[in-house]
Amino acid sequence: MSSCWKASVVSSLPADLAHQLLAGLNLRATTINVRRAELIRDARGDSVDDQIATLRPELDFAGLASLTPVIKLAGAFHQAVLDDRTAPH
């Protein structure tokens, strides 16, 4: 019976490590989602382009490149609010 318990403990180690690693990513994703909401909130502001330029490398660093289209959408919303059809985002 003790050997079964040991096997069970050993097999849960990778899962425990995965949960620890993913917990950090979830916090990063949450922080980035808050910043995305700030981009939408500040859509008419002058700092949106700078915020987007700062946020894009952070997405790559955090391993959250899948959120890049969402940030591009926030940039497009900013341009729509300003009625700026020529800005590249």
PDB file of N, CA and C in Angstrom:
ATOM      1  N   MET A   1       0.821  -1.187   0.000  1.00  0.00           N
ATOM      2  CA  MET A   1       0.000   0.000   0.000  1.00  0.00           C
ATOM      3  C   MET A   1       0.869   1.256   0.000  1.00  0.00           C
ATOM      4  N   SER A   2       1.972   1.233   0.728  1.00  0.00           N
ATOM      5  CA  SER A   2       2.808   2.427   0.778  1.00  0.00           C
ATOM      6  C   SER A   2       3.430   2.722  -0.584  1.00  0.00           C
ATOM      7  N   SER A   3       3.726   1.695  -1.389  1.00  0.00           N
ATOM      8  CA  SER A   3       4.293   1.946  -2.713  1.00  0.00           C
ATOM      9  C   SER A   3       3.258   2.590  -3.628  1.00  0.00           C
ATOM     10  N   CYS A   4       1.991   2.261  -3.479  1.00  0.00           N
ATOM     11  CA  CYS A   4       0.937   2.922  -4.262  1.00  0.00           C
ATOM     12  C   CYS A   4       0.851   4.395  -3.881  1.00  0.00           C
ATOM     13  N   TRP A   5       0.951   4.673  -2.601  1.00  0.00           N
ATOM     14  CA  TRP A   5       0.871   6.069  -2.140  1.00  0.00           C
ATOM     15  C   TRP A   5       2.042   6.868  -2.685  1.00  0.00           C
ATOM     16  N   LYS A   6       3.241   6.280  -2.684  1.00  0.00           N
ATOM     17  CA  LYS A   6       4.415   6.969  -3.209  1.00  0.00           C
ATOM     18  C   LYS A   6       4.259   7.252  -4.696  1.00  0.00           C
ATOM     19  N   ALA A   7       3.752   6.308  -5.457  1.00  0.00           N
ATOM     20  CA  ALA A   7       3.544   6.513  -6.893  1.00  0.00           C
ATOM     21  C   ALA A   7       2.545   7.634  -7.125  1.00  0.00           C
ATOM     22  N   SER A   8       1.520   7.686  -6.301  1.00  0.00           N
ATOM     23  CA  SER A   8       0.511   8.729  -6.422  1.00  0.00           C
ATOM     24  C   SER A   8       1.110  10.110  -6.150  1.00  0.00           C
ATOM     25  N   VAL A   9       1.960  10.215  -5.143  1.00  0.00           N
ATOM     26  CA  VAL A   9       2.588  11.492  -4.803  1.00  0.00           C
ATOM     27  C   VAL A   9       3.518  11.927  -5.923  1.00  0.00           C
ATOM     28  N   VAL A  10       4.318  11.008  -6.434  1.00  0.00           N
ATOM     29  CA  VAL A  10       5.266  11.334  -7.491  1.00  0.00           C
ATOM     30  C   VAL A  10       4.523  11.768  -8.752  1.00  0.00           C
ATOM     31  N   SER A  11       3.443  11.106  -9.104  1.00  0.00           N
ATOM     32  CA  SER A  11       2.737  11.458 -10.337  1.00  0.00           C
ATOM     33  C   SER A  11       2.013  12.798 -10.219  1.00  0.00           C
ATOM     34  N   SER A  12       1.742  13.261  -9.007  1.00  0.00           N
ATOM     35  CA  SER A  12       1.069  14.549  -8.863  1.00  0.00           C
ATOM     36  C   SER A  12       2.050  15.722  -8.920  1.00  0.00           C
ATOM     37  N   LEU A  13       3.348  15.452  -8.820  1.00  0.00           N
ATOM     38  CA  LEU A  13       4.326  16.538  -8.839  1.00  0.00           C
ATOM     39  C   LEU A  13       4.289  17.369 -10.128  1.00  0.00           C
ATOM     40  N   PRO A  14       4.256  16.752 -11.308  1.00  0.00           N
ATOM     41  CA  PRO A  14       4.178  17.583 -12.516  1.00  0.00           C
ATOM     42  C   PRO A  14       2.900  18.432 -12.567  1.00  0.00           C
ATOM     43  N   ALA A  15       1.804  17.882 -12.105  1.00  0.00           N
ATOM     44  CA  ALA A  15       0.554  18.634 -12.090  1.00  0.00           C
ATOM     45  C   ALA A  15       0.647  19.811 -11.119  1.00  0.00           C
ATOM     46  N   ASP A  16       1.270  19.579  -9.975  1.00  0.00           N
ATOM     47  CA  ASP A  16       1.444  20.669  -9.008  1.00  0.00           C
ATOM     48  C   ASP A  16       2.303  21.783  -9.601  1.00  0.00           C
ATOM     49  N   LEU A  17       3.374  21.391 -10.281  1.00  0.00           N
ATOM     50  CA  LEU A  17       4.246  22.374 -10.919  1.00  0.00           C
ATOM     51  C   LEU A  17       3.484  23.143 -11.997  1.00  0.00           C
ATOM     52  N   ALA A  18       2.695  22.444 -12.780  1.00  0.00           N
ATOM     53  CA  ALA A  18       1.909  23.105 -13.825  1.00  0.00           C
ATOM     54  C   ALA A  18       0.949  24.123 -13.219  1.00  0.00           C
ATOM     55  N   HIS A  19       0.305  23.771 -12.129  1.00  0.00           N
ATOM     56  CA  HIS A  19      -0.608  24.716 -11.472  1.00  0.00           C
ATOM     57  C   HIS A  19       0.148  25.945 -10.984  1.00  0.00           C
ATOM     58  N   GLN A  20       1.327  25.744 -10.447  1.00  0.00           N
ATOM     59  CA  GLN A  20       2.127  26.887  -9.982  1.00  0.00           C
ATOM     60  C   GLN A  20       2.516  27.796 -11.140  1.00  0.00           C
ATOM     61  N   LEU A  21       2.933  27.204 -12.243  1.00  0.00           N
ATOM     62  CA  LEU A  21       3.342  28.002 -13.397  1.00  0.00           C
ATOM     63  C   LEU A  21       2.158  28.718 -14.037  1.00  0.00           C
ATOM     64  N   LEU A  22       1.039  28.047 -14.121  1.00  0.00           N
ATOM     65  CA  LEU A  22      -0.142  28.660 -14.725  1.00  0.00           C
ATOM     66  C   LEU A  22      -0.738  29.748 -13.844  1.00  0.00           C
ATOM     67  N   ALA A  23      -0.580  29.637 -12.556  1.00  0.00           N
ATOM     68  CA  ALA A  23      -1.113  30.663 -11.656  1.00  0.00           C
ATOM     69  C   ALA A  23      -0.481  32.009 -11.975  1.00  0.00           C
ATOM     70  N   GLY A  24       0.794  32.054 -12.243  1.00  0.00           N
ATOM     71  CA  GLY A  24       1.467  33.294 -12.611  1.00  0.00           C
ATOM     72  C   GLY A  24       0.962  33.843 -13.932  1.00  0.00           C
ATOM     73  N   LEU A  25       0.715  32.967 -14.891  1.00  0.00           N
ATOM     74  CA  LEU A  25       0.210  33.421 -16.183  1.00  0.00           C
ATOM     75  C   LEU A  25      -1.194  33.987 -16.059  1.00  0.00           C
ATOM     76  N   ASN A  26      -2.012  33.365 -15.218  1.00  0.00           N
ATOM     77  CA  ASN A  26      -3.362  33.874 -15.032  1.00  0.00           C
ATOM     78  C   ASN A  26      -3.338  35.286 -14.471  1.00  0.00           C
ATOM     79  N   LEU A  27      -2.429  35.560 -13.565  1.00  0.00           N
ATOM     80  CA  LEU A  27      -2.316  36.903 -13.021  1.00  0.00           C
ATOM     81  C   LEU A  27      -1.844  37.879 -14.089  1.00  0.00           C
ATOM     82  N   ARG A  28      -0.914  37.448 -14.908  1.00  0.00           N
ATOM     83  CA  ARG A  28      -0.448  38.314 -15.989  1.00  0.00           C
ATOM     84  C   ARG A  28      -1.585  38.597 -16.960  1.00  0.00           C
ATOM     85  N   ALA A  29      -2.334  37.562 -17.304  1.00  0.00           N
ATOM     86  CA  ALA A  29      -3.451  37.747 -18.226  1.00  0.00           C
ATOM     87  C   ALA A  29      -4.487  38.684 -17.624  1.00  0.00           C
ATOM     88  N   THR A  30      -4.737  38.548 -16.346  1.00  0.00           N
ATOM     89  CA  THR A  30      -5.698  39.427 -15.688  1.00  0.00           C
ATOM     90  C   THR A  30      -5.208  40.865 -15.701  1.00  0.00           C
ATOM     91  N   THR A  31      -3.943  41.061 -15.406  1.00  0.00           N
ATOM     92  CA  THR A  31      -3.366  42.412 -15.433  1.00  0.00           C
ATOM     93  C   THR A  31      -3.454  43.002 -16.829  1.00  0.00           C
ATOM     94  N   ILE A  32      -3.146  42.205 -17.828  1.00  0.00           N
ATOM     95  CA  ILE A  32      -3.201  42.692 -19.207  1.00  0.00           C
ATOM     96  C   ILE A  32      -4.646  42.986 -19.604  1.00  0.00           C
ATOM     97  N   ASN A  33      -5.592  42.189 -19.137  1.00  0.00           N
ATOM     98  CA  ASN A  33      -6.997  42.466 -19.430  1.00  0.00           C
ATOM     99  C   ASN A  33      -7.453  43.768 -18.792  1.00  0.00           C
ATOM    100  N   VAL A  34      -6.947  44.073 -17.609  1.00  0.00           N
ATOM    101  CA  VAL A  34      -7.264  45.357 -16.978  1.00  0.00           C
ATOM    102  C   VAL A  34      -6.691  46.489 -17.824  1.00  0.00           C
ATOM    103  N   ARG A  35      -5.478  46.309 -18.297  1.00  0.00           N
ATOM    104  CA  ARG A  35      -4.865  47.346 -19.141  1.00  0.00           C
ATOM    105  C   ARG A  35      -5.605  47.488 -20.461  1.00  0.00           C
ATOM    106  N   ARG A  36      -6.121  46.386 -20.985  1.00  0.00           N
ATOM    107  CA  ARG A  36      -6.929  46.439 -22.211  1.00  0.00           C
ATOM    108  C   ARG A  36      -8.191  47.249 -21.963  1.00  0.00           C
ATOM    109  N   ALA A  37      -8.812  47.024 -20.819  1.00  0.00           N
ATOM    110  CA  ALA A  37     -10.010  47.800 -20.467  1.00  0.00           C
ATOM    111  C   ALA A  37      -9.668  49.284 -20.341  1.00  0.00           C
ATOM    112  N   GLU A  38      -8.482  49.573 -19.831  1.00  0.00           N
ATOM    113  CA  GLU A  38      -8.044  50.972 -19.730  1.00  0.00           C
ATOM    114  C   GLU A  38      -7.865  51.584 -21.117  1.00  0.00           C
ATOM    115  N   LEU A  39      -7.399  50.778 -22.084  1.00  0.00           N
ATOM    116  CA  LEU A  39      -7.265  51.280 -23.450  1.00  0.00           C
ATOM    117  C   LEU A  39      -8.630  51.670 -24.011  1.00  0.00           C
ATOM    118  N   ILE A  40      -9.614  50.841 -23.766  1.00  0.00           N
ATOM    119  CA  ILE A  40     -10.976  51.137 -24.235  1.00  0.00           C
ATOM    120  C   ILE A  40     -11.489  52.393 -23.533  1.00  0.00           C
ATOM    121  N   ARG A  41     -11.259  52.474 -22.237  1.00  0.00           N
ATOM    122  CA  ARG A  41     -11.707  53.632 -21.460  1.00  0.00           C
ATOM    123  C   ARG A  41     -11.065  54.918 -21.961  1.00  0.00           C
ATOM    124  N   ASP A  42      -9.782  54.836 -22.308  1.00  0.00           N
ATOM    125  CA  ASP A  42      -9.022  56.017 -22.713  1.00  0.00           C
ATOM    126  C   ASP A  42      -9.025  56.226 -24.226  1.00  0.00           C
ATOM    127  N   ALA A  43      -9.975  55.647 -24.925  1.00  0.00           N
ATOM    128  CA  ALA A  43      -9.948  55.604 -26.390  1.00  0.00           C
ATOM    129  C   ALA A  43      -9.723  56.950 -27.054  1.00  0.00           C
ATOM    130  N   ARG A  44     -10.189  58.018 -26.482  1.00  0.00           N
ATOM    131  CA  ARG A  44     -10.018  59.325 -27.099  1.00  0.00           C
ATOM    132  C   ARG A  44      -8.717  60.003 -26.650  1.00  0.00           C
ATOM    133  N   GLY A  45      -8.027  59.406 -25.704  1.00  0.00           N
ATOM    134  CA  GLY A  45      -6.852  60.049 -25.106  1.00  0.00           C
ATOM    135  C   GLY A  45      -5.613  60.028 -25.978  1.00  0.00           C
ATOM    136  N   ASP A  46      -4.682  60.863 -25.607  1.00  0.00           N
ATOM    137  CA  ASP A  46      -3.428  60.979 -26.356  1.00  0.00           C
ATOM    138  C   ASP A  46      -2.448  59.854 -26.044  1.00  0.00           C
ATOM    139  N   SER A  47      -2.625  59.175 -24.930  1.00  0.00           N
ATOM    140  CA  SER A  47      -1.635  58.191 -24.491  1.00  0.00           C
ATOM    141  C   SER A  47      -1.909  56.776 -24.987  1.00  0.00           C
ATOM    142  N   VAL A  48      -2.980  56.557 -25.721  1.00  0.00           N
ATOM    143  CA  VAL A  48      -3.352  55.196 -26.117  1.00  0.00           C
ATOM    144  C   VAL A  48      -2.285  54.552 -26.990  1.00  0.00           C
ATOM    145  N   ASP A  49      -1.754  55.280 -27.952  1.00  0.00           N
ATOM    146  CA  ASP A  49      -0.716  54.695 -28.815  1.00  0.00           C
ATOM    147  C   ASP A  49       0.508  54.287 -28.009  1.00  0.00           C
ATOM    148  N   ASP A  50       0.886  55.113 -27.040  1.00  0.00           N
ATOM    149  CA  ASP A  50       2.021  54.770 -26.173  1.00  0.00           C
ATOM    150  C   ASP A  50       1.701  53.555 -25.308  1.00  0.00           C
ATOM    151  N   GLN A  51       0.471  53.487 -24.810  1.00  0.00           N
ATOM    152  CA  GLN A  51       0.067  52.340 -23.990  1.00  0.00           C
ATOM    153  C   GLN A  51       0.128  51.052 -24.807  1.00  0.00           C
ATOM    154  N   ILE A  52      -0.330  51.116 -26.048  1.00  0.00           N
ATOM    155  CA  ILE A  52      -0.303  49.935 -26.919  1.00  0.00           C
ATOM    156  C   ILE A  52       1.144  49.535 -27.214  1.00  0.00           C
ATOM    157  N   ALA A  53       1.992  50.510 -27.499  1.00  0.00           N
ATOM    158  CA  ALA A  53       3.395  50.217 -27.791  1.00  0.00           C
ATOM    159  C   ALA A  53       4.091  49.579 -26.599  1.00  0.00           C
ATOM    160  N   THR A  54       3.704  49.944 -25.390  1.00  0.00           N
ATOM    161  CA  THR A  54       4.274  49.358 -24.180  1.00  0.00           C
ATOM    162  C   THR A  54       3.710  47.970 -23.918  1.00  0.00           C
ATOM    163  N   LEU A  55       2.458  47.788 -24.227  1.00  0.00           N
ATOM    164  CA  LEU A  55       1.771  46.536 -23.901  1.00  0.00           C
ATOM    165  C   LEU A  55       2.155  45.390 -24.834  1.00  0.00           C
ATOM    166  N   ARG A  56       2.403  45.664 -26.086  1.00  0.00           N
ATOM    167  CA  ARG A  56       2.716  44.581 -27.043  1.00  0.00           C
ATOM    168  C   ARG A  56       3.923  43.746 -26.631  1.00  0.00           C
ATOM    169  N   PRO A  57       5.059  44.344 -26.262  1.00  0.00           N
ATOM    170  CA  PRO A  57       6.189  43.502 -25.826  1.00  0.00           C
ATOM    171  C   PRO A  57       5.885  42.739 -24.536  1.00  0.00           C
ATOM    172  N   GLU A  58       5.066  43.316 -23.677  1.00  0.00           N
ATOM    173  CA  GLU A  58       4.700  42.627 -22.435  1.00  0.00           C
ATOM    174  C   GLU A  58       3.899  41.368 -22.733  1.00  0.00           C
ATOM    175  N   LEU A  59       3.069  41.402 -23.776  1.00  0.00           N
ATOM    176  CA  LEU A  59       2.318  40.206 -24.172  1.00  0.00           C
ATOM    177  C   LEU A  59       3.260  39.089 -24.570  1.00  0.00           C
ATOM    178  N   ASP A  60       4.263  39.429 -25.380  1.00  0.00           N
ATOM    179  CA  ASP A  60       5.230  38.421 -25.814  1.00  0.00           C
ATOM    180  C   ASP A  60       6.027  37.880 -24.630  1.00  0.00           C
ATOM    181  N   PHE A  61       6.468  38.781 -23.757  1.00  0.00           N
ATOM    182  CA  PHE A  61       7.245  38.374 -22.593  1.00  0.00           C
ATOM    183  C   PHE A  61       6.440  37.455 -21.673  1.00  0.00           C
ATOM    184  N   ALA A  62       5.162  37.746 -21.515  1.00  0.00           N
ATOM    185  CA  ALA A  62       4.304  36.945 -20.636  1.00  0.00           C
ATOM    186  C   ALA A  62       3.824  35.666 -21.302  1.00  0.00           C
ATOM    187  N   GLY A  63       4.159  35.480 -22.573  1.00  0.00           N
ATOM    188  CA  GLY A  63       3.697  34.281 -23.270  1.00  0.00           C
ATOM    189  C   GLY A  63       2.226  34.357 -23.623  1.00  0.00           C
ATOM    190  N   LEU A  64       1.721  35.569 -23.792  1.00  0.00           N
ATOM    191  CA  LEU A  64       0.301  35.774 -24.061  1.00  0.00           C
ATOM    192  C   LEU A  64       0.090  36.420 -25.425  1.00  0.00           C
ATOM    193  N   ALA A  65       0.840  35.969 -26.407  1.00  0.00           N
ATOM    194  CA  ALA A  65       0.721  36.528 -27.747  1.00  0.00           C
ATOM    195  C   ALA A  65      -0.695  36.365 -28.303  1.00  0.00           C
ATOM    196  N   SER A  66      -1.451  35.436 -27.769  1.00  0.00           N
ATOM    197  CA  SER A  66      -2.829  35.240 -28.231  1.00  0.00           C
ATOM    198  C   SER A  66      -3.717  36.445 -27.926  1.00  0.00           C
ATOM    199  N   LEU A  67      -3.282  37.321 -27.013  1.00  0.00           N
ATOM    200  CA  LEU A  67      -4.059  38.518 -26.707  1.00  0.00           C
ATOM    201  C   LEU A  67      -3.720  39.689 -27.628  1.00  0.00           C
ATOM    202  N   THR A  68      -2.736  39.519 -28.511  1.00  0.00           N
ATOM    203  CA  THR A  68      -2.342  40.591 -29.423  1.00  0.00           C
ATOM    204  C   THR A  68      -3.519  41.082 -30.271  1.00  0.00           C
ATOM    205  N   PRO A  69      -4.345  40.200 -30.840  1.00  0.00           N
ATOM    206  CA  PRO A  69      -5.485  40.705 -31.624  1.00  0.00           C
ATOM    207  C   PRO A  69      -6.454  41.563 -30.797  1.00  0.00           C
ATOM    208  N   VAL A  70      -6.583  41.255 -29.528  1.00  0.00           N
ATOM    209  CA  VAL A  70      -7.470  42.036 -28.666  1.00  0.00           C
ATOM    210  C   VAL A  70      -6.906  43.446 -28.483  1.00  0.00           C
ATOM    211  N   ILE A  71      -5.593  43.550 -28.345  1.00  0.00           N
ATOM    212  CA  ILE A  71      -4.949  44.854 -28.209  1.00  0.00           C
ATOM    213  C   ILE A  71      -5.052  45.622 -29.523  1.00  0.00           C
ATOM    214  N   LYS A  72      -4.914  44.914 -30.640  1.00  0.00           N
ATOM    215  CA  LYS A  72      -5.091  45.576 -31.937  1.00  0.00           C
ATOM    216  C   LYS A  72      -6.524  46.088 -32.088  1.00  0.00           C
ATOM    217  N   LEU A  73      -7.473  45.323 -31.605  1.00  0.00           N
ATOM    218  CA  LEU A  73      -8.868  45.754 -31.650  1.00  0.00           C
ATOM    219  C   LEU A  73      -9.076  47.007 -30.806  1.00  0.00           C
ATOM    220  N   ALA A  74      -8.442  47.081 -29.657  1.00  0.00           N
ATOM    221  CA  ALA A  74      -8.526  48.282 -28.818  1.00  0.00           C
ATOM    222  C   ALA A  74      -7.924  49.477 -29.558  1.00  0.00           C
ATOM    223  N   GLY A  75      -6.823  49.263 -30.287  1.00  0.00           N
ATOM    224  CA  GLY A  75      -6.225  50.329 -31.088  1.00  0.00           C
ATOM    225  C   GLY A  75      -7.149  50.769 -32.215  1.00  0.00           C
ATOM    226  N   ALA A  76      -7.815  49.816 -32.836  1.00  0.00           N
ATOM    227  CA  ALA A  76      -8.767  50.155 -33.893  1.00  0.00           C
ATOM    228  C   ALA A  76      -9.952  50.934 -33.326  1.00  0.00           C
ATOM    229  N   PHE A  77     -10.387  50.567 -32.140  1.00  0.00           N
ATOM    230  CA  PHE A  77     -11.471  51.305 -31.488  1.00  0.00           C
ATOM    231  C   PHE A  77     -11.035  52.738 -31.215  1.00  0.00           C
ATOM    232  N   HIS A  78      -9.801  52.907 -30.746  1.00  0.00           N
ATOM    233  CA  HIS A  78      -9.241  54.237 -30.497  1.00  0.00           C
ATOM    234  C   HIS A  78      -9.275  55.066 -31.782  1.00  0.00           C
ATOM    235  N   GLN A  79      -8.837  54.454 -32.878  1.00  0.00           N
ATOM    236  CA  GLN A  79      -8.831  55.165 -34.154  1.00  0.00           C
ATOM    237  C   GLN A  79     -10.245  55.502 -34.610  1.00  0.00           C
ATOM    238  N   ALA A  80     -11.182  54.599 -34.385  1.00  0.00           N
ATOM    239  CA  ALA A  80     -12.569  54.856 -34.772  1.00  0.00           C
ATOM    240  C   ALA A  80     -13.151  56.022 -33.977  1.00  0.00           C
ATOM    241  N   VAL A  81     -12.833  56.065 -32.696  1.00  0.00           N
ATOM    242  CA  VAL A  81     -13.328  57.157 -31.864  1.00  0.00           C
ATOM    243  C   VAL A  81     -12.757  58.486 -32.358  1.00  0.00           C
ATOM    244  N   LEU A  82     -11.488  58.465 -32.777  1.00  0.00           N
ATOM    245  CA  LEU A  82     -10.853  59.678 -33.288  1.00  0.00           C
ATOM    246  C   LEU A  82     -11.187  59.935 -34.757  1.00  0.00           C
ATOM    247  N   ASP A  83     -11.858  58.969 -35.390  1.00  0.00           N
ATOM    248  CA  ASP A  83     -12.154  59.009 -36.824  1.00  0.00           C
ATOM    249  C   ASP A  83     -10.874  59.118 -37.637  1.00  0.00           C
ATOM    250  N   ASP A  84      -9.849  58.357 -37.214  1.00  0.00           N
ATOM    251  CA  ASP A  84      -8.541  58.351 -37.851  1.00  0.00           C
ATOM    252  C   ASP A  84      -8.432  57.081 -38.696  1.00  0.00           C
ATOM    253  N   ARG A  85      -8.650  57.204 -39.965  1.00  0.00           N
ATOM    254  CA  ARG A  85      -8.666  56.030 -40.850  1.00  0.00           C
ATOM    255  C   ARG A  85      -7.300  55.723 -41.444  1.00  0.00           C
ATOM    256  N   THR A  86      -6.307  56.552 -41.169  1.00  0.00           N
ATOM    257  CA  THR A  86      -4.998  56.355 -41.800  1.00  0.00           C
ATOM    258  C   THR A  86      -3.951  55.779 -40.850  1.00  0.00           C
ATOM    259  N   ALA A  87      -4.203  55.767 -39.557  1.00  0.00           N
ATOM    260  CA  ALA A  87      -3.201  55.292 -38.600  1.00  0.00           C
ATOM    261  C   ALA A  87      -3.027  53.779 -38.699  1.00  0.00           C
ATOM    262  N   PRO A  88      -1.786  53.305 -38.729  1.00  0.00           N
ATOM    263  CA  PRO A  88      -1.537  51.861 -38.815  1.00  0.00           C
ATOM    264  C   PRO A  88      -1.535  51.187 -37.442  1.00  0.00           C
ATOM    265  N   HIS A  89      -2.466  50.312 -37.189  1.00  0.00           N
ATOM    266  CA  HIS A  89      -2.459  49.487 -35.973  1.00  0.00           C
ATOM    267  C   HIS A  89      -2.895  48.158 -36.369  1.00  0.00           C
TER     268      HIS A  89
END
